[in-house]
Amino acid sequence: MTTTVCTSASNPATRSLTYPSFSSYVKARQPVLLRTARSLTANPCDAEDLLQTALTKTYVAWERIEDHRALDGYVRRALLNTRTSQWRKRKVDEFACDELPEPEPVPGGDDPAEQQALHDAMWRAISKLPARQRAMVVLRYYEDLSEVQTAEVLGVSVGTVKSAVSRALGKLREDPELGLVR
């Protein structure tokens, strides 16, 4: 990664930027950001749309973002805000069904197919969580943010993060599909 120095019209002092342009930021961070978007939606196509919308908002605000080291946090916040707006606008965007399209995975072993089935079962269980709990679990365990960082991103207290994550993990422990793994 190249470091460049530029000046801002609003801040005459020079500052160091990790990403000299919006396109270089997107090229460098898109896989990580897409992973975050996928964890917030049940559909990979929706995740791509969600990321595109968040990146559009970031592009519009690019010149106003003073600390380019905080870009990931800005985009994560845009992802969460956009997804929250989508949840509020839609009456129902996910449908539960009685039968899974594929047989339940058999846990154990190092078989890649079994590992993928376990991974898929975990994501199905996570997608059943309420939106707020799902966001907190994703940020804590998939994005590997601390409780403090998660609270900052979501604009809630650390205690709220702790209690919501605890309740979410309890729900995951009780999920019948994941019960086969124990």
C-alpha atoms as a PDB file:
ATOM      1  CA  MET A   1       0.000   0.000   0.000  1.00  0.00           C
ATOM      2  CA  THR A   2       1.305   3.428  -0.912  1.00  0.00           C
ATOM      3  CA  THR A   3       1.142   6.341   1.482  1.00  0.00           C
ATOM      4  CA  THR A   4       0.623   9.775  -0.002  1.00  0.00           C
ATOM      5  CA  VAL A   5       0.433  13.224   1.505  1.00  0.00           C
ATOM      6  CA  CYS A   6      -2.208  15.734   0.504  1.00  0.00           C
ATOM      7  CA  THR A   7      -3.767  18.871   1.864  1.00  0.00           C
ATOM      8  CA  SER A   8      -7.412  19.480   2.507  1.00  0.00           C
ATOM      9  CA  ALA A   9      -9.139  22.746   1.696  1.00  0.00           C
ATOM     10  CA  SER A  10     -10.916  22.663   5.049  1.00  0.00           C
ATOM     11  CA  ASN A  11      -7.776  21.680   6.954  1.00  0.00           C
ATOM     12  CA  PRO A  12      -4.618  23.401   5.684  1.00  0.00           C
ATOM     13  CA  ALA A  13      -2.365  21.073   7.688  1.00  0.00           C
ATOM     14  CA  THR A  14      -1.019  18.161   5.721  1.00  0.00           C
ATOM     15  CA  ARG A  15      -2.233  14.717   6.637  1.00  0.00           C
ATOM     16  CA  SER A  16      -1.226  11.228   5.649  1.00  0.00           C
ATOM     17  CA  LEU A  17      -3.759   9.158   3.704  1.00  0.00           C
ATOM     18  CA  THR A  18      -3.662   5.421   3.328  1.00  0.00           C
ATOM     19  CA  TYR A  19      -5.895   5.579   0.247  1.00  0.00           C
ATOM     20  CA  PRO A  20      -5.081   8.308  -2.280  1.00  0.00           C
ATOM     21  CA  SER A  21      -8.417   7.890  -4.070  1.00  0.00           C
ATOM     22  CA  PHE A  22     -11.842   6.402  -3.605  1.00  0.00           C
ATOM     23  CA  SER A  23     -11.195   3.787  -6.287  1.00  0.00           C
ATOM     24  CA  SER A  24      -7.987   2.612  -4.582  1.00  0.00           C
ATOM     25  CA  TYR A  25      -9.904   2.269  -1.305  1.00  0.00           C
ATOM     26  CA  VAL A  26     -12.645   0.210  -2.965  1.00  0.00           C
ATOM     27  CA  LYS A  27     -10.114  -2.032  -4.727  1.00  0.00           C
ATOM     28  CA  ALA A  28      -8.253  -2.685  -1.483  1.00  0.00           C
ATOM     29  CA  ARG A  29     -11.209  -3.154   0.862  1.00  0.00           C
ATOM     30  CA  GLN A  30     -14.065  -4.522  -1.284  1.00  0.00           C
ATOM     31  CA  PRO A  31     -13.667  -8.205  -0.277  1.00  0.00           C
ATOM     32  CA  VAL A  32     -13.799  -7.375   3.440  1.00  0.00           C
ATOM     33  CA  LEU A  33     -16.688  -4.960   3.017  1.00  0.00           C
ATOM     34  CA  LEU A  34     -18.616  -7.436   0.871  1.00  0.00           C
ATOM     35  CA  ARG A  35     -18.175 -10.055   3.592  1.00  0.00           C
ATOM     36  CA  THR A  36     -19.708  -7.639   6.088  1.00  0.00           C
ATOM     37  CA  ALA A  37     -22.592  -6.880   3.724  1.00  0.00           C
ATOM     38  CA  ARG A  38     -23.221 -10.599   3.167  1.00  0.00           C
ATOM     39  CA  SER A  39     -23.406 -11.167   6.888  1.00  0.00           C
ATOM     40  CA  LEU A  40     -26.149  -8.541   7.154  1.00  0.00           C
ATOM     41  CA  THR A  41     -28.358 -10.001   4.418  1.00  0.00           C
ATOM     42  CA  ALA A  42     -29.723 -13.409   3.596  1.00  0.00           C
ATOM     43  CA  ASN A  43     -29.079 -13.085  -0.128  1.00  0.00           C
ATOM     44  CA  PRO A  44     -25.655 -12.554  -1.809  1.00  0.00           C
ATOM     45  CA  CYS A  45     -27.246 -10.354  -4.500  1.00  0.00           C
ATOM     46  CA  ASP A  46     -28.813  -8.152  -1.815  1.00  0.00           C
ATOM     47  CA  ALA A  47     -25.394  -7.935  -0.160  1.00  0.00           C
ATOM     48  CA  GLU A  48     -23.832  -6.618  -3.362  1.00  0.00           C
ATOM     49  CA  ASP A  49     -26.623  -4.031  -3.691  1.00  0.00           C
ATOM     50  CA  LEU A  50     -26.213  -3.061  -0.053  1.00  0.00           C
ATOM     51  CA  LEU A  51     -22.458  -2.578  -0.473  1.00  0.00           C
ATOM     52  CA  GLN A  52     -22.968  -0.577  -3.649  1.00  0.00           C
ATOM     53  CA  THR A  53     -25.368   1.762  -1.846  1.00  0.00           C
ATOM     54  CA  ALA A  54     -22.999   2.178   1.123  1.00  0.00           C
ATOM     55  CA  LEU A  55     -20.053   2.871  -1.188  1.00  0.00           C
ATOM     56  CA  THR A  56     -22.135   5.438  -3.072  1.00  0.00           C
ATOM     57  CA  LYS A  57     -22.810   7.223   0.214  1.00  0.00           C
ATOM     58  CA  THR A  58     -19.100   7.047   1.032  1.00  0.00           C
ATOM     59  CA  TYR A  59     -18.148   8.434  -2.371  1.00  0.00           C
ATOM     60  CA  VAL A  60     -20.492  11.399  -1.898  1.00  0.00           C
ATOM     61  CA  ALA A  61     -18.914  12.126   1.507  1.00  0.00           C
ATOM     62  CA  TRP A  62     -15.320  11.277   0.460  1.00  0.00           C
ATOM     63  CA  GLU A  63     -14.009  14.856   0.650  1.00  0.00           C
ATOM     64  CA  ARG A  64     -15.659  15.451   4.044  1.00  0.00           C
ATOM     65  CA  ILE A  65     -14.114  12.384   5.688  1.00  0.00           C
ATOM     66  CA  GLU A  66     -11.109  13.823   7.467  1.00  0.00           C
ATOM     67  CA  ASP A  67      -9.540  10.647   8.824  1.00  0.00           C
ATOM     68  CA  HIS A  68      -9.200   8.105   6.032  1.00  0.00           C
ATOM     69  CA  ARG A  69      -7.972   5.551   8.554  1.00  0.00           C
ATOM     70  CA  ALA A  70     -11.590   5.395   9.782  1.00  0.00           C
ATOM     71  CA  LEU A  71     -13.084   4.618   6.365  1.00  0.00           C
ATOM     72  CA  ASP A  72     -13.993   1.019   7.228  1.00  0.00           C
ATOM     73  CA  GLY A  73     -15.976   2.225  10.219  1.00  0.00           C
ATOM     74  CA  TYR A  74     -17.720   4.827   8.063  1.00  0.00           C
ATOM     75  CA  VAL A  75     -18.665   2.221   5.442  1.00  0.00           C
ATOM     76  CA  ARG A  76     -19.772  -0.295   8.117  1.00  0.00           C
ATOM     77  CA  ARG A  77     -22.009   2.365   9.611  1.00  0.00           C
ATOM     78  CA  ALA A  78     -23.409   3.144   6.147  1.00  0.00           C
ATOM     79  CA  LEU A  79     -24.043  -0.589   5.607  1.00  0.00           C
ATOM     80  CA  LEU A  80     -25.876  -0.910   8.918  1.00  0.00           C
ATOM     81  CA  ASN A  81     -27.901   2.268   8.429  1.00  0.00           C
ATOM     82  CA  THR A  82     -28.862   1.289   4.889  1.00  0.00           C
ATOM     83  CA  ARG A  83     -29.830  -2.226   5.932  1.00  0.00           C
ATOM     84  CA  THR A  84     -31.845  -0.884   8.867  1.00  0.00           C
ATOM     85  CA  SER A  85     -33.724   1.415   6.485  1.00  0.00           C
ATOM     86  CA  GLN A  86     -34.418  -1.552   4.216  1.00  0.00           C
ATOM     87  CA  TRP A  87     -35.736  -3.612   7.148  1.00  0.00           C
ATOM     88  CA  ARG A  88     -38.061  -0.807   8.125  1.00  0.00           C
ATOM     89  CA  LYS A  89     -39.397  -0.350   4.598  1.00  0.00           C
ATOM     90  CA  ARG A  90     -40.054  -4.015   3.878  1.00  0.00           C
ATOM     91  CA  LYS A  91     -42.921  -5.815   5.515  1.00  0.00           C
ATOM     92  CA  VAL A  92     -41.410  -9.258   4.914  1.00  0.00           C
ATOM     93  CA  ASP A  93     -38.239 -10.011   3.005  1.00  0.00           C
ATOM     94  CA  GLU A  94     -37.520 -13.477   4.331  1.00  0.00           C
ATOM     95  CA  PHE A  95     -39.782 -16.502   4.455  1.00  0.00           C
ATOM     96  CA  ALA A  96     -39.412 -19.437   6.806  1.00  0.00           C
ATOM     97  CA  CYS A  97     -40.096 -22.888   5.410  1.00  0.00           C
ATOM     98  CA  ASP A  98     -40.830 -26.179   7.103  1.00  0.00           C
ATOM     99  CA  GLU A  99     -38.324 -28.206   5.092  1.00  0.00           C
ATOM    100  CA  LEU A 100     -34.753 -27.445   4.209  1.00  0.00           C
ATOM    101  CA  PRO A 101     -33.914 -27.807   0.525  1.00  0.00           C
ATOM    102  CA  GLU A 102     -31.065 -30.182   1.369  1.00  0.00           C
ATOM    103  CA  PRO A 103     -30.661 -32.894   4.007  1.00  0.00           C
ATOM    104  CA  GLU A 104     -29.250 -31.827   7.362  1.00  0.00           C
ATOM    105  CA  PRO A 105     -25.442 -31.992   7.583  1.00  0.00           C
ATOM    106  CA  VAL A 106     -23.777 -34.773   9.515  1.00  0.00           C
ATOM    107  CA  PRO A 107     -21.301 -33.144  11.939  1.00  0.00           C
ATOM    108  CA  GLY A 108     -17.744 -34.249  12.488  1.00  0.00           C
ATOM    109  CA  GLY A 109     -14.726 -35.091  10.390  1.00  0.00           C
ATOM    110  CA  ASP A 110     -12.594 -32.912   8.189  1.00  0.00           C
ATOM    111  CA  ASP A 111     -14.680 -33.427   5.079  1.00  0.00           C
ATOM    112  CA  PRO A 112     -14.886 -30.064   3.256  1.00  0.00           C
ATOM    113  CA  ALA A 113     -18.509 -30.761   2.326  1.00  0.00           C
ATOM    114  CA  GLU A 114     -19.372 -31.311   6.001  1.00  0.00           C
ATOM    115  CA  GLN A 115     -17.506 -28.146   6.975  1.00  0.00           C
ATOM    116  CA  GLN A 116     -19.435 -26.179   4.339  1.00  0.00           C
ATOM    117  CA  ALA A 117     -22.718 -27.662   5.520  1.00  0.00           C
ATOM    118  CA  LEU A 118     -21.875 -26.652   9.101  1.00  0.00           C
ATOM    119  CA  HIS A 119     -20.959 -23.163   7.913  1.00  0.00           C
ATOM    120  CA  ASP A 120     -24.261 -22.878   6.039  1.00  0.00           C
ATOM    121  CA  ALA A 121     -26.214 -24.134   9.062  1.00  0.00           C
ATOM    122  CA  MET A 122     -24.552 -21.510  11.239  1.00  0.00           C
ATOM    123  CA  TRP A 123     -25.463 -18.719   8.800  1.00  0.00           C
ATOM    124  CA  ARG A 124     -29.056 -19.957   8.604  1.00  0.00           C
ATOM    125  CA  ALA A 125     -29.213 -19.876  12.401  1.00  0.00           C
ATOM    126  CA  ILE A 126     -27.685 -16.394  12.512  1.00  0.00           C
ATOM    127  CA  SER A 127     -30.149 -15.162   9.888  1.00  0.00           C
ATOM    128  CA  LYS A 128     -33.011 -16.225  12.220  1.00  0.00           C
ATOM    129  CA  LEU A 129     -31.820 -13.787  14.884  1.00  0.00           C
ATOM    130  CA  PRO A 130     -33.486 -10.384  15.176  1.00  0.00           C
ATOM    131  CA  ALA A 131     -31.731  -7.782  13.049  1.00  0.00           C
ATOM    132  CA  ARG A 132     -30.081  -5.951  15.945  1.00  0.00           C
ATOM    133  CA  GLN A 133     -28.741  -9.139  17.554  1.00  0.00           C
ATOM    134  CA  ARG A 134     -27.562 -10.405  14.165  1.00  0.00           C
ATOM    135  CA  ALA A 135     -25.642  -7.175  13.545  1.00  0.00           C
ATOM    136  CA  MET A 136     -23.983  -7.405  16.958  1.00  0.00           C
ATOM    137  CA  VAL A 137     -23.013 -11.078  16.540  1.00  0.00           C
ATOM    138  CA  VAL A 138     -21.605 -10.387  13.081  1.00  0.00           C
ATOM    139  CA  LEU A 139     -19.558  -7.419  14.257  1.00  0.00           C
ATOM    140  CA  ARG A 140     -18.306  -9.230  17.390  1.00  0.00           C
ATOM    141  CA  TYR A 141     -17.474 -12.651  15.978  1.00  0.00           C
ATOM    142  CA  TYR A 142     -17.172 -12.330  12.199  1.00  0.00           C
ATOM    143  CA  GLU A 143     -15.652  -8.861  12.010  1.00  0.00           C
ATOM    144  CA  ASP A 144     -13.738  -9.568  15.255  1.00  0.00           C
ATOM    145  CA  LEU A 145     -14.546  -6.203  16.815  1.00  0.00           C
ATOM    146  CA  SER A 146     -14.341  -5.771  20.580  1.00  0.00           C
ATOM    147  CA  GLU A 147     -17.466  -5.059  22.619  1.00  0.00           C
ATOM    148  CA  VAL A 148     -16.395  -1.411  22.846  1.00  0.00           C
ATOM    149  CA  GLN A 149     -15.844  -1.146  19.076  1.00  0.00           C
ATOM    150  CA  THR A 150     -19.167  -2.868  18.374  1.00  0.00           C
ATOM    151  CA  ALA A 151     -20.933  -0.440  20.708  1.00  0.00           C
ATOM    152  CA  GLU A 152     -19.289   2.521  18.944  1.00  0.00           C
ATOM    153  CA  VAL A 153     -20.244   1.302  15.466  1.00  0.00           C
ATOM    154  CA  LEU A 154     -23.867   0.719  16.485  1.00  0.00           C
ATOM    155  CA  GLY A 155     -24.133   3.778  18.709  1.00  0.00           C
ATOM    156  CA  VAL A 156     -25.207   1.817  21.807  1.00  0.00           C
ATOM    157  CA  SER A 157     -23.698   1.156  25.213  1.00  0.00           C
ATOM    158  CA  VAL A 158     -21.238  -1.659  25.895  1.00  0.00           C
ATOM    159  CA  GLY A 159     -23.781  -3.183  28.301  1.00  0.00           C
ATOM    160  CA  THR A 160     -26.348  -3.319  25.497  1.00  0.00           C
ATOM    161  CA  VAL A 161     -23.857  -5.151  23.300  1.00  0.00           C
ATOM    162  CA  LYS A 162     -23.021  -7.616  26.081  1.00  0.00           C
ATOM    163  CA  SER A 163     -26.641  -8.436  26.900  1.00  0.00           C
ATOM    164  CA  ALA A 164     -27.799  -8.633  23.274  1.00  0.00           C
ATOM    165  CA  VAL A 165     -24.874 -10.878  22.272  1.00  0.00           C
ATOM    166  CA  SER A 166     -25.503 -13.081  25.297  1.00  0.00           C
ATOM    167  CA  ARG A 167     -29.176 -13.495  24.333  1.00  0.00           C
ATOM    168  CA  ALA A 168     -28.217 -14.147  20.707  1.00  0.00           C
ATOM    169  CA  LEU A 169     -25.711 -16.851  21.682  1.00  0.00           C
ATOM    170  CA  GLY A 170     -28.396 -18.439  23.858  1.00  0.00           C
ATOM    171  CA  LYS A 171     -30.737 -18.557  20.853  1.00  0.00           C
ATOM    172  CA  LEU A 172     -27.991 -20.072  18.714  1.00  0.00           C
ATOM    173  CA  ARG A 173     -27.348 -22.748  21.359  1.00  0.00           C
ATOM    174  CA  GLU A 174     -31.044 -23.649  21.276  1.00  0.00           C
ATOM    175  CA  ASP A 175     -31.290 -23.775  17.468  1.00  0.00           C
ATOM    176  CA  PRO A 176     -32.305 -27.348  16.523  1.00  0.00           C
ATOM    177  CA  GLU A 177     -30.245 -27.315  13.345  1.00  0.00           C
ATOM    178  CA  LEU A 178     -27.088 -26.532  15.308  1.00  0.00           C
ATOM    179  CA  GLY A 179     -28.034 -29.034  18.026  1.00  0.00           C
ATOM    180  CA  LEU A 180     -26.704 -31.816  15.796  1.00  0.00           C
ATOM    181  CA  VAL A 181     -23.212 -30.293  16.024  1.00  0.00           C
ATOM    182  CA  ARG A 182     -22.918 -30.603  19.801  1.00  0.00           C
END
